[in-house]
N, C-alpha and C. Protein backbone atom coordinates (compact mmCIF):
# COMPACT_ATOMS: atom_id res chain seq x y z
N MET A 1 -7.86 -12.90 -8.63
CA MET A 1 -7.33 -11.56 -8.70
C MET A 1 -8.50 -10.58 -8.65
N VAL A 2 -8.37 -9.57 -7.81
CA VAL A 2 -9.40 -8.54 -7.71
C VAL A 2 -9.23 -7.59 -8.89
N PRO A 3 -10.30 -7.16 -9.52
CA PRO A 3 -10.16 -6.25 -10.67
C PRO A 3 -9.61 -4.91 -10.23
N ALA A 4 -8.97 -4.22 -11.14
CA ALA A 4 -8.49 -2.87 -10.86
C ALA A 4 -9.72 -2.01 -10.58
N LEU A 5 -9.71 -1.32 -9.47
CA LEU A 5 -10.86 -0.55 -9.03
C LEU A 5 -10.74 0.90 -9.47
N PRO A 6 -11.82 1.66 -9.39
CA PRO A 6 -11.81 3.03 -9.92
C PRO A 6 -10.71 3.91 -9.35
N CYS A 7 -10.35 3.72 -8.07
CA CYS A 7 -9.34 4.60 -7.49
C CYS A 7 -7.93 4.08 -7.72
N VAL A 8 -7.80 2.90 -8.29
CA VAL A 8 -6.50 2.30 -8.54
C VAL A 8 -6.21 2.40 -10.03
N GLY A 9 -5.07 2.97 -10.34
CA GLY A 9 -4.75 3.17 -11.75
C GLY A 9 -4.31 1.90 -12.45
N ARG A 10 -4.39 1.92 -13.76
CA ARG A 10 -3.86 0.84 -14.58
C ARG A 10 -2.98 1.45 -15.64
N ALA A 11 -1.86 0.81 -15.86
CA ALA A 11 -0.96 1.27 -16.91
C ALA A 11 -1.21 0.41 -18.13
N GLU A 12 -1.77 0.98 -19.16
CA GLU A 12 -2.02 0.24 -20.39
C GLU A 12 -1.28 0.91 -21.54
N ASP A 13 -0.99 0.14 -22.54
CA ASP A 13 -0.23 0.68 -23.66
C ASP A 13 -1.01 1.76 -24.39
N LYS A 14 -0.41 2.90 -24.47
CA LYS A 14 -0.93 4.00 -25.27
C LYS A 14 0.17 4.44 -26.23
N GLY A 15 0.90 3.45 -26.76
CA GLY A 15 2.01 3.76 -27.64
C GLY A 15 3.34 3.70 -26.90
N ILE A 16 3.29 3.47 -25.59
CA ILE A 16 4.52 3.36 -24.79
C ILE A 16 4.59 1.94 -24.27
N GLY A 17 5.71 1.34 -24.28
CA GLY A 17 5.90 0.03 -23.68
C GLY A 17 5.61 -1.12 -24.61
N ASN A 18 5.30 -0.85 -25.87
CA ASN A 18 5.20 -1.93 -26.85
C ASN A 18 4.16 -2.98 -26.48
N GLY A 19 2.99 -2.56 -26.00
CA GLY A 19 1.96 -3.52 -25.65
C GLY A 19 1.99 -3.95 -24.20
N LEU A 20 2.80 -3.32 -23.41
CA LEU A 20 2.94 -3.65 -21.99
C LEU A 20 1.65 -3.36 -21.24
N TYR A 21 1.26 -4.27 -20.36
CA TYR A 21 0.12 -4.06 -19.48
C TYR A 21 0.53 -4.48 -18.09
N VAL A 22 0.50 -3.56 -17.15
CA VAL A 22 0.84 -3.86 -15.76
C VAL A 22 -0.29 -3.36 -14.90
N PRO A 23 -1.11 -4.25 -14.33
CA PRO A 23 -2.18 -3.77 -13.47
C PRO A 23 -1.62 -3.28 -12.15
N ALA A 24 -2.31 -2.34 -11.55
CA ALA A 24 -1.93 -1.90 -10.22
C ALA A 24 -2.18 -3.05 -9.25
N ALA A 25 -1.50 -3.03 -8.14
CA ALA A 25 -1.64 -4.10 -7.15
C ALA A 25 -3.07 -4.19 -6.66
N GLU A 26 -3.50 -5.40 -6.40
CA GLU A 26 -4.85 -5.62 -5.93
C GLU A 26 -4.91 -5.61 -4.41
N SER A 27 -3.91 -5.11 -3.77
CA SER A 27 -3.92 -5.02 -2.31
C SER A 27 -3.43 -3.65 -1.91
N ILE A 28 -3.59 -3.36 -0.66
CA ILE A 28 -3.20 -2.04 -0.15
C ILE A 28 -1.71 -1.82 -0.38
N TYR A 29 -1.32 -0.63 -0.68
CA TYR A 29 0.09 -0.32 -0.91
C TYR A 29 0.68 0.20 0.40
N ALA A 30 1.62 -0.53 0.94
CA ALA A 30 2.32 -0.04 2.12
C ALA A 30 2.99 1.27 1.74
N GLY A 31 2.77 2.26 2.50
CA GLY A 31 3.34 3.57 2.20
C GLY A 31 2.32 4.48 1.58
N ALA A 32 1.35 3.94 0.90
CA ALA A 32 0.32 4.78 0.32
C ALA A 32 -1.03 4.49 0.95
N GLY A 33 -1.14 3.42 1.67
CA GLY A 33 -2.42 3.04 2.22
C GLY A 33 -2.67 3.56 3.60
N GLY A 34 -2.41 4.82 3.85
CA GLY A 34 -2.71 5.42 5.12
C GLY A 34 -1.51 5.50 6.05
N VAL A 35 -0.37 4.93 5.69
CA VAL A 35 0.79 4.97 6.55
C VAL A 35 1.57 6.23 6.21
N SER A 36 1.51 7.21 7.08
CA SER A 36 2.16 8.49 6.81
C SER A 36 2.71 9.06 8.10
N GLY A 37 3.26 10.26 8.01
CA GLY A 37 3.79 10.95 9.18
C GLY A 37 2.74 11.18 10.24
N LYS A 38 1.48 11.24 9.85
CA LYS A 38 0.43 11.45 10.83
C LYS A 38 0.29 10.27 11.78
N ILE A 39 0.59 9.07 11.33
CA ILE A 39 0.50 7.91 12.20
C ILE A 39 1.49 8.06 13.35
N ALA A 40 2.71 8.43 13.03
CA ALA A 40 3.71 8.60 14.07
C ALA A 40 3.32 9.73 15.01
N ALA A 41 2.81 10.82 14.47
CA ALA A 41 2.42 11.96 15.30
C ALA A 41 1.22 11.64 16.18
N GLN A 42 0.23 10.93 15.62
CA GLN A 42 -1.02 10.66 16.35
C GLN A 42 -1.01 9.32 17.08
N GLY A 43 -0.12 8.43 16.67
CA GLY A 43 -0.06 7.12 17.31
C GLY A 43 -1.22 6.21 16.93
N GLN A 44 -1.88 6.53 15.83
CA GLN A 44 -3.02 5.71 15.42
C GLN A 44 -3.34 5.94 13.95
N PHE A 45 -4.05 4.97 13.38
CA PHE A 45 -4.58 5.14 12.04
C PHE A 45 -5.90 4.39 11.96
N PHE A 46 -6.72 4.79 11.00
CA PHE A 46 -8.08 4.27 10.89
C PHE A 46 -8.34 3.77 9.48
N ALA A 47 -9.17 2.76 9.38
CA ALA A 47 -9.61 2.24 8.09
C ALA A 47 -10.86 1.41 8.30
N VAL A 48 -11.40 0.94 7.21
CA VAL A 48 -12.63 0.14 7.20
C VAL A 48 -12.27 -1.31 6.89
N ALA A 49 -11.25 -1.82 7.51
CA ALA A 49 -10.74 -3.14 7.15
C ALA A 49 -11.15 -4.26 8.08
N GLY A 50 -11.60 -3.94 9.28
CA GLY A 50 -11.91 -4.99 10.23
C GLY A 50 -10.68 -5.84 10.47
N ASP A 51 -10.88 -7.16 10.44
CA ASP A 51 -9.77 -8.10 10.63
C ASP A 51 -9.31 -8.72 9.32
N ALA A 52 -9.60 -8.06 8.21
CA ALA A 52 -9.22 -8.57 6.91
C ALA A 52 -7.70 -8.64 6.77
N LYS A 53 -7.23 -9.73 6.21
CA LYS A 53 -5.80 -9.87 5.89
C LYS A 53 -5.57 -9.30 4.50
N ILE A 54 -4.52 -8.50 4.38
CA ILE A 54 -4.21 -7.79 3.14
C ILE A 54 -2.74 -8.03 2.80
N SER A 55 -2.47 -8.37 1.57
CA SER A 55 -1.08 -8.62 1.13
C SER A 55 -0.45 -7.29 0.72
N ALA A 56 -0.12 -6.49 1.72
CA ALA A 56 0.43 -5.16 1.48
C ALA A 56 1.73 -5.23 0.70
N VAL A 57 1.85 -4.36 -0.27
CA VAL A 57 3.07 -4.32 -1.10
C VAL A 57 3.71 -2.94 -0.93
N ASP A 58 5.00 -2.96 -0.74
CA ASP A 58 5.76 -1.73 -0.55
C ASP A 58 5.81 -0.93 -1.86
N VAL A 59 5.62 0.37 -1.75
CA VAL A 59 5.62 1.21 -2.95
C VAL A 59 6.95 1.14 -3.68
N ARG A 60 8.03 0.86 -2.98
CA ARG A 60 9.33 0.72 -3.65
C ARG A 60 9.35 -0.50 -4.56
N ASP A 61 8.63 -1.55 -4.15
CA ASP A 61 8.54 -2.73 -5.01
C ASP A 61 7.66 -2.43 -6.23
N ILE A 62 6.59 -1.68 -6.04
CA ILE A 62 5.74 -1.29 -7.16
C ILE A 62 6.56 -0.48 -8.17
N ALA A 63 7.36 0.45 -7.66
CA ALA A 63 8.20 1.27 -8.53
C ALA A 63 9.23 0.42 -9.27
N ALA A 64 9.83 -0.54 -8.57
CA ALA A 64 10.83 -1.41 -9.20
C ALA A 64 10.20 -2.26 -10.31
N VAL A 65 9.01 -2.77 -10.06
CA VAL A 65 8.31 -3.56 -11.09
C VAL A 65 7.98 -2.68 -12.30
N ALA A 66 7.47 -1.48 -12.04
CA ALA A 66 7.13 -0.58 -13.14
C ALA A 66 8.38 -0.23 -13.96
N ALA A 67 9.48 0.09 -13.26
CA ALA A 67 10.71 0.45 -13.97
C ALA A 67 11.21 -0.72 -14.81
N ALA A 68 11.18 -1.91 -14.24
CA ALA A 68 11.63 -3.08 -14.98
C ALA A 68 10.75 -3.34 -16.19
N ALA A 69 9.43 -3.24 -15.98
CA ALA A 69 8.49 -3.52 -17.07
C ALA A 69 8.60 -2.51 -18.19
N LEU A 70 8.89 -1.27 -17.84
CA LEU A 70 8.96 -0.22 -18.87
C LEU A 70 10.32 -0.13 -19.56
N THR A 71 11.37 -0.62 -18.91
CA THR A 71 12.71 -0.45 -19.48
C THR A 71 13.43 -1.75 -19.77
N GLY A 72 12.95 -2.86 -19.20
CA GLY A 72 13.65 -4.12 -19.37
C GLY A 72 13.10 -4.95 -20.50
N GLU A 73 13.77 -6.05 -20.74
CA GLU A 73 13.38 -6.99 -21.79
C GLU A 73 12.46 -8.06 -21.20
N GLY A 74 11.59 -8.60 -22.04
CA GLY A 74 10.79 -9.75 -21.67
C GLY A 74 9.49 -9.45 -20.94
N HIS A 75 9.09 -8.20 -20.88
CA HIS A 75 7.89 -7.85 -20.14
C HIS A 75 6.69 -7.55 -21.03
N VAL A 76 6.90 -7.42 -22.31
CA VAL A 76 5.81 -7.06 -23.23
C VAL A 76 4.74 -8.14 -23.18
N GLY A 77 3.50 -7.69 -22.97
CA GLY A 77 2.37 -8.61 -22.92
C GLY A 77 2.20 -9.35 -21.62
N ARG A 78 3.10 -9.16 -20.68
CA ARG A 78 3.03 -9.85 -19.37
C ARG A 78 2.12 -9.09 -18.43
N THR A 79 1.48 -9.80 -17.55
CA THR A 79 0.69 -9.23 -16.46
C THR A 79 1.27 -9.73 -15.16
N TYR A 80 1.54 -8.83 -14.24
CA TYR A 80 2.11 -9.18 -12.95
C TYR A 80 1.10 -8.90 -11.85
N ASP A 81 0.80 -9.91 -11.07
CA ASP A 81 -0.04 -9.76 -9.89
C ASP A 81 0.91 -9.37 -8.76
N ILE A 82 0.90 -8.11 -8.42
CA ILE A 82 1.89 -7.55 -7.50
C ILE A 82 1.31 -7.53 -6.08
N THR A 83 1.92 -8.30 -5.18
CA THR A 83 1.52 -8.32 -3.78
C THR A 83 2.76 -8.30 -2.91
N GLY A 84 2.51 -8.13 -1.64
CA GLY A 84 3.58 -8.29 -0.67
C GLY A 84 3.79 -9.77 -0.37
N PRO A 85 4.78 -10.08 0.48
CA PRO A 85 5.11 -11.48 0.76
C PRO A 85 4.28 -12.11 1.87
N GLU A 86 3.41 -11.31 2.50
CA GLU A 86 2.60 -11.82 3.62
C GLU A 86 1.28 -11.06 3.66
N ALA A 87 0.26 -11.71 4.18
CA ALA A 87 -1.04 -11.06 4.35
C ALA A 87 -1.20 -10.72 5.82
N LEU A 88 -1.44 -9.45 6.10
CA LEU A 88 -1.55 -8.95 7.47
C LEU A 88 -2.85 -8.20 7.67
N THR A 89 -3.34 -8.22 8.89
CA THR A 89 -4.45 -7.35 9.24
C THR A 89 -3.89 -5.96 9.54
N HIS A 90 -4.75 -4.96 9.56
CA HIS A 90 -4.28 -3.62 9.94
C HIS A 90 -3.78 -3.63 11.39
N GLY A 91 -4.41 -4.45 12.23
CA GLY A 91 -3.93 -4.58 13.62
C GLY A 91 -2.51 -5.13 13.67
N GLU A 92 -2.22 -6.12 12.82
CA GLU A 92 -0.86 -6.67 12.77
C GLU A 92 0.12 -5.63 12.24
N MET A 93 -0.32 -4.82 11.26
CA MET A 93 0.53 -3.74 10.76
C MET A 93 0.83 -2.75 11.89
N ALA A 94 -0.19 -2.42 12.68
CA ALA A 94 0.00 -1.51 13.81
C ALA A 94 1.01 -2.08 14.80
N GLU A 95 0.94 -3.39 15.07
CA GLU A 95 1.90 -4.03 15.98
C GLU A 95 3.32 -3.94 15.44
N LYS A 96 3.48 -4.17 14.15
CA LYS A 96 4.82 -4.09 13.54
C LYS A 96 5.34 -2.66 13.57
N LEU A 97 4.48 -1.69 13.29
CA LEU A 97 4.89 -0.29 13.38
C LEU A 97 5.25 0.07 14.82
N SER A 98 4.48 -0.44 15.78
CA SER A 98 4.76 -0.18 17.20
C SER A 98 6.15 -0.67 17.57
N ARG A 99 6.49 -1.88 17.16
CA ARG A 99 7.83 -2.42 17.47
C ARG A 99 8.92 -1.59 16.81
N ALA A 100 8.71 -1.21 15.56
CA ALA A 100 9.75 -0.46 14.84
C ALA A 100 9.93 0.95 15.40
N LEU A 101 8.83 1.58 15.79
CA LEU A 101 8.87 2.95 16.30
C LEU A 101 9.12 3.01 17.80
N ASN A 102 9.07 1.85 18.45
CA ASN A 102 9.29 1.74 19.89
C ASN A 102 8.25 2.53 20.69
N ARG A 103 7.04 2.56 20.20
CA ARG A 103 5.91 3.14 20.93
C ARG A 103 4.63 2.59 20.32
N GLU A 104 3.55 2.68 21.07
CA GLU A 104 2.31 2.07 20.61
C GLU A 104 1.67 2.83 19.45
N ILE A 105 1.34 2.08 18.42
CA ILE A 105 0.55 2.58 17.30
C ILE A 105 -0.72 1.73 17.29
N GLN A 106 -1.87 2.38 17.24
CA GLN A 106 -3.13 1.67 17.28
C GLN A 106 -3.84 1.77 15.94
N TYR A 107 -4.56 0.70 15.63
CA TYR A 107 -5.43 0.70 14.47
C TYR A 107 -6.87 0.78 14.96
N GLY A 108 -7.63 1.70 14.38
CA GLY A 108 -9.03 1.83 14.71
C GLY A 108 -9.89 1.49 13.51
N ASP A 109 -10.77 0.51 13.68
CA ASP A 109 -11.70 0.16 12.61
C ASP A 109 -12.87 1.12 12.66
N VAL A 110 -13.23 1.67 11.54
CA VAL A 110 -14.34 2.62 11.46
C VAL A 110 -15.37 2.13 10.46
N THR A 111 -16.53 2.75 10.48
CA THR A 111 -17.58 2.39 9.52
C THR A 111 -17.25 2.99 8.16
N PRO A 112 -17.79 2.41 7.11
CA PRO A 112 -17.59 3.00 5.78
C PRO A 112 -18.08 4.45 5.72
N GLU A 113 -19.17 4.74 6.41
CA GLU A 113 -19.71 6.11 6.41
C GLU A 113 -18.74 7.08 7.09
N ALA A 114 -18.15 6.66 8.20
CA ALA A 114 -17.20 7.53 8.91
C ALA A 114 -15.95 7.77 8.07
N MET A 115 -15.47 6.71 7.41
CA MET A 115 -14.29 6.85 6.57
C MET A 115 -14.59 7.77 5.39
N MET A 116 -15.76 7.57 4.78
CA MET A 116 -16.13 8.41 3.65
C MET A 116 -16.19 9.88 4.06
N GLU A 117 -16.81 10.15 5.18
CA GLU A 117 -16.91 11.53 5.65
C GLU A 117 -15.54 12.13 5.92
N ALA A 118 -14.66 11.37 6.57
CA ALA A 118 -13.32 11.86 6.88
C ALA A 118 -12.53 12.15 5.61
N LEU A 119 -12.61 11.26 4.63
CA LEU A 119 -11.85 11.44 3.40
C LEU A 119 -12.39 12.63 2.58
N LEU A 120 -13.70 12.78 2.56
CA LEU A 120 -14.27 13.96 1.87
C LEU A 120 -13.88 15.24 2.58
N ASN A 121 -13.82 15.20 3.92
CA ASN A 121 -13.46 16.39 4.70
C ASN A 121 -12.02 16.83 4.50
N ILE A 122 -11.15 15.90 4.10
CA ILE A 122 -9.75 16.31 3.83
C ILE A 122 -9.56 16.70 2.38
N GLY A 123 -10.66 16.67 1.60
CA GLY A 123 -10.60 17.18 0.26
C GLY A 123 -10.44 16.19 -0.87
N LEU A 124 -10.51 14.90 -0.58
CA LEU A 124 -10.43 13.94 -1.68
C LEU A 124 -11.69 14.03 -2.52
N PRO A 125 -11.57 13.85 -3.83
CA PRO A 125 -12.76 13.90 -4.69
C PRO A 125 -13.66 12.69 -4.43
N HIS A 126 -14.94 12.88 -4.64
CA HIS A 126 -15.92 11.84 -4.34
C HIS A 126 -15.62 10.54 -5.08
N TRP A 127 -15.19 10.61 -6.35
CA TRP A 127 -14.92 9.40 -7.11
C TRP A 127 -13.80 8.59 -6.46
N GLN A 128 -12.80 9.28 -5.89
CA GLN A 128 -11.69 8.58 -5.25
C GLN A 128 -12.12 7.97 -3.93
N VAL A 129 -12.93 8.71 -3.18
CA VAL A 129 -13.45 8.18 -1.92
C VAL A 129 -14.30 6.94 -2.18
N ASP A 130 -15.17 7.01 -3.18
CA ASP A 130 -15.99 5.84 -3.53
C ASP A 130 -15.10 4.63 -3.87
N GLY A 131 -14.04 4.88 -4.62
CA GLY A 131 -13.12 3.80 -4.98
C GLY A 131 -12.42 3.21 -3.77
N LEU A 132 -11.99 4.06 -2.83
CA LEU A 132 -11.33 3.56 -1.62
C LEU A 132 -12.29 2.74 -0.77
N ILE A 133 -13.52 3.21 -0.64
CA ILE A 133 -14.51 2.45 0.13
C ILE A 133 -14.75 1.10 -0.55
N GLU A 134 -14.81 1.10 -1.89
CA GLU A 134 -14.97 -0.15 -2.63
C GLU A 134 -13.76 -1.08 -2.42
N ASP A 135 -12.56 -0.49 -2.42
CA ASP A 135 -11.36 -1.29 -2.14
C ASP A 135 -11.50 -2.01 -0.81
N TYR A 136 -11.86 -1.26 0.22
CA TYR A 136 -11.96 -1.86 1.55
C TYR A 136 -13.07 -2.91 1.64
N ALA A 137 -14.12 -2.77 0.87
CA ALA A 137 -15.15 -3.81 0.81
C ALA A 137 -14.53 -5.11 0.27
N HIS A 138 -13.68 -5.00 -0.75
CA HIS A 138 -12.97 -6.17 -1.27
C HIS A 138 -12.07 -6.76 -0.20
N TYR A 139 -11.36 -5.90 0.54
CA TYR A 139 -10.47 -6.38 1.59
C TYR A 139 -11.25 -7.18 2.62
N ARG A 140 -12.38 -6.61 3.09
CA ARG A 140 -13.18 -7.27 4.13
C ARG A 140 -13.72 -8.63 3.66
N ARG A 141 -13.92 -8.79 2.37
CA ARG A 141 -14.37 -10.08 1.83
C ARG A 141 -13.20 -11.04 1.63
N GLY A 142 -12.00 -10.65 1.99
CA GLY A 142 -10.84 -11.53 1.87
C GLY A 142 -10.25 -11.60 0.47
N GLU A 143 -10.57 -10.64 -0.38
CA GLU A 143 -10.15 -10.68 -1.77
C GLU A 143 -8.80 -10.02 -2.03
N ALA A 144 -8.10 -9.62 -0.97
CA ALA A 144 -6.78 -9.02 -1.15
C ALA A 144 -5.74 -9.69 -0.27
N SER A 145 -6.00 -10.94 0.07
CA SER A 145 -5.07 -11.65 0.98
C SER A 145 -4.13 -12.60 0.26
N ALA A 146 -4.37 -12.85 -1.01
CA ALA A 146 -3.53 -13.80 -1.75
C ALA A 146 -2.10 -13.27 -1.87
N ILE A 147 -1.18 -14.19 -1.86
CA ILE A 147 0.24 -13.87 -2.07
C ILE A 147 0.59 -14.35 -3.48
N ALA A 148 1.16 -13.44 -4.27
CA ALA A 148 1.52 -13.79 -5.65
C ALA A 148 3.01 -13.53 -5.87
N SER A 149 3.51 -14.05 -6.97
CA SER A 149 4.94 -13.97 -7.26
C SER A 149 5.30 -12.84 -8.21
N GLY A 150 4.39 -11.88 -8.44
CA GLY A 150 4.61 -10.84 -9.44
C GLY A 150 5.88 -10.04 -9.26
N VAL A 151 6.19 -9.64 -8.04
CA VAL A 151 7.41 -8.85 -7.82
C VAL A 151 8.62 -9.69 -8.17
N GLN A 152 8.68 -10.90 -7.64
CA GLN A 152 9.79 -11.82 -7.93
C GLN A 152 9.91 -12.08 -9.43
N ASP A 153 8.78 -12.31 -10.09
CA ASP A 153 8.79 -12.60 -11.52
C ASP A 153 9.31 -11.42 -12.34
N ALA A 154 8.95 -10.21 -11.92
CA ALA A 154 9.30 -9.02 -12.70
C ALA A 154 10.72 -8.54 -12.46
N ILE A 155 11.18 -8.59 -11.20
CA ILE A 155 12.49 -7.99 -10.90
C ILE A 155 13.52 -8.98 -10.38
N GLY A 156 13.11 -10.22 -10.14
CA GLY A 156 14.07 -11.23 -9.73
C GLY A 156 14.39 -11.24 -8.25
N THR A 157 13.75 -10.41 -7.46
CA THR A 157 13.94 -10.42 -6.02
C THR A 157 12.56 -10.45 -5.36
N PRO A 158 12.49 -11.03 -4.16
CA PRO A 158 11.18 -11.10 -3.50
C PRO A 158 10.73 -9.72 -3.01
N PRO A 159 9.43 -9.55 -2.81
CA PRO A 159 8.95 -8.28 -2.29
C PRO A 159 9.41 -8.06 -0.85
N ARG A 160 9.48 -6.81 -0.48
CA ARG A 160 9.90 -6.46 0.88
C ARG A 160 8.79 -6.81 1.88
N PRO A 161 9.15 -7.44 3.00
CA PRO A 161 8.15 -7.68 4.03
C PRO A 161 7.78 -6.38 4.75
N PHE A 162 6.62 -6.36 5.37
CA PHE A 162 6.15 -5.17 6.06
C PHE A 162 7.12 -4.76 7.15
N ASP A 163 7.80 -5.73 7.78
CA ASP A 163 8.79 -5.39 8.82
C ASP A 163 9.88 -4.48 8.26
N ASP A 164 10.31 -4.71 7.03
CA ASP A 164 11.32 -3.83 6.40
C ASP A 164 10.75 -2.43 6.21
N PHE A 165 9.51 -2.35 5.73
CA PHE A 165 8.88 -1.04 5.59
C PHE A 165 8.81 -0.34 6.93
N ALA A 166 8.36 -1.04 7.98
CA ALA A 166 8.22 -0.43 9.30
C ALA A 166 9.58 0.07 9.81
N ARG A 167 10.63 -0.73 9.62
CA ARG A 167 11.97 -0.32 10.05
C ARG A 167 12.43 0.92 9.30
N ASP A 168 12.24 0.92 7.98
CA ASP A 168 12.66 2.08 7.18
C ASP A 168 11.84 3.32 7.51
N TYR A 169 10.56 3.11 7.79
CA TYR A 169 9.68 4.21 8.19
C TYR A 169 10.16 4.81 9.51
N ALA A 170 10.54 3.93 10.46
CA ALA A 170 11.04 4.40 11.76
C ALA A 170 12.34 5.18 11.58
N LEU A 171 13.23 4.70 10.71
CA LEU A 171 14.48 5.41 10.45
C LEU A 171 14.22 6.77 9.83
N LEU A 172 13.29 6.84 8.90
CA LEU A 172 12.95 8.09 8.27
C LEU A 172 12.35 9.06 9.27
N GLU A 173 11.49 8.57 10.14
CA GLU A 173 10.91 9.43 11.17
C GLU A 173 11.98 9.96 12.11
N ALA A 174 12.93 9.11 12.51
CA ALA A 174 14.02 9.54 13.39
C ALA A 174 14.87 10.60 12.70
N LYS A 175 15.13 10.42 11.42
CA LYS A 175 15.91 11.41 10.66
C LYS A 175 15.17 12.74 10.62
N ASP A 176 13.86 12.70 10.38
CA ASP A 176 13.06 13.92 10.35
C ASP A 176 13.09 14.63 11.70
N ARG A 177 13.01 13.86 12.80
CA ARG A 177 13.08 14.49 14.14
C ARG A 177 14.43 15.13 14.37
N MET A 178 15.51 14.45 13.96
CA MET A 178 16.86 15.03 14.15
C MET A 178 17.02 16.32 13.34
N GLU A 179 16.51 16.34 12.12
CA GLU A 179 16.59 17.55 11.30
C GLU A 179 15.80 18.69 11.94
N ALA A 180 14.66 18.37 12.52
CA ALA A 180 13.84 19.40 13.20
C ALA A 180 14.58 19.96 14.40
N ILE A 181 15.25 19.09 15.16
CA ILE A 181 16.03 19.53 16.32
C ILE A 181 17.17 20.43 15.88
N GLU A 182 17.86 20.05 14.79
CA GLU A 182 19.00 20.82 14.31
C GLU A 182 18.59 22.20 13.83
N ARG A 183 17.35 22.35 13.38
CA ARG A 183 16.88 23.66 12.90
C ARG A 183 16.70 24.65 14.07
N TYR A 184 16.56 24.16 15.28
CA TYR A 184 16.34 25.06 16.43
C TYR A 184 17.56 25.30 17.21
């Protein structure tokens, strides 16, 4: 298990949850890891991942685990290693997004220095940028490719595959386009 990194939060008991400890996922979060409306608009996304396989976890699964752990029975003192059900490269994620969106989405691998400069230029604080660069160093070393049962253990259902995320993302993008058309 990769340790929780500076840019990744940890939920620890501060009087809430009766001793509950739920570490943040040790892999990129689908939906939060660079997959946004800009990808659809630009047809590309960039990261410092190379060909590293990453067990991306859908943010909806993270939310479901957190809700269960904070409100359900049997979670006190438990630690869940939260991952997605498959380890994918960013290139494979781009292929899946391309199929779902019915147009080409490209992944561009960049240097750590280029990513750092881009993230600082959009206004992220230096501590967060350093943490993200550190995250990607872990990814490139293969430390975020393991598949774990944390989602299943916490909520009783398997984590969503990236294909489901890509399909839902495509549906959301189509809905946004229809709403934009209706406004004119």
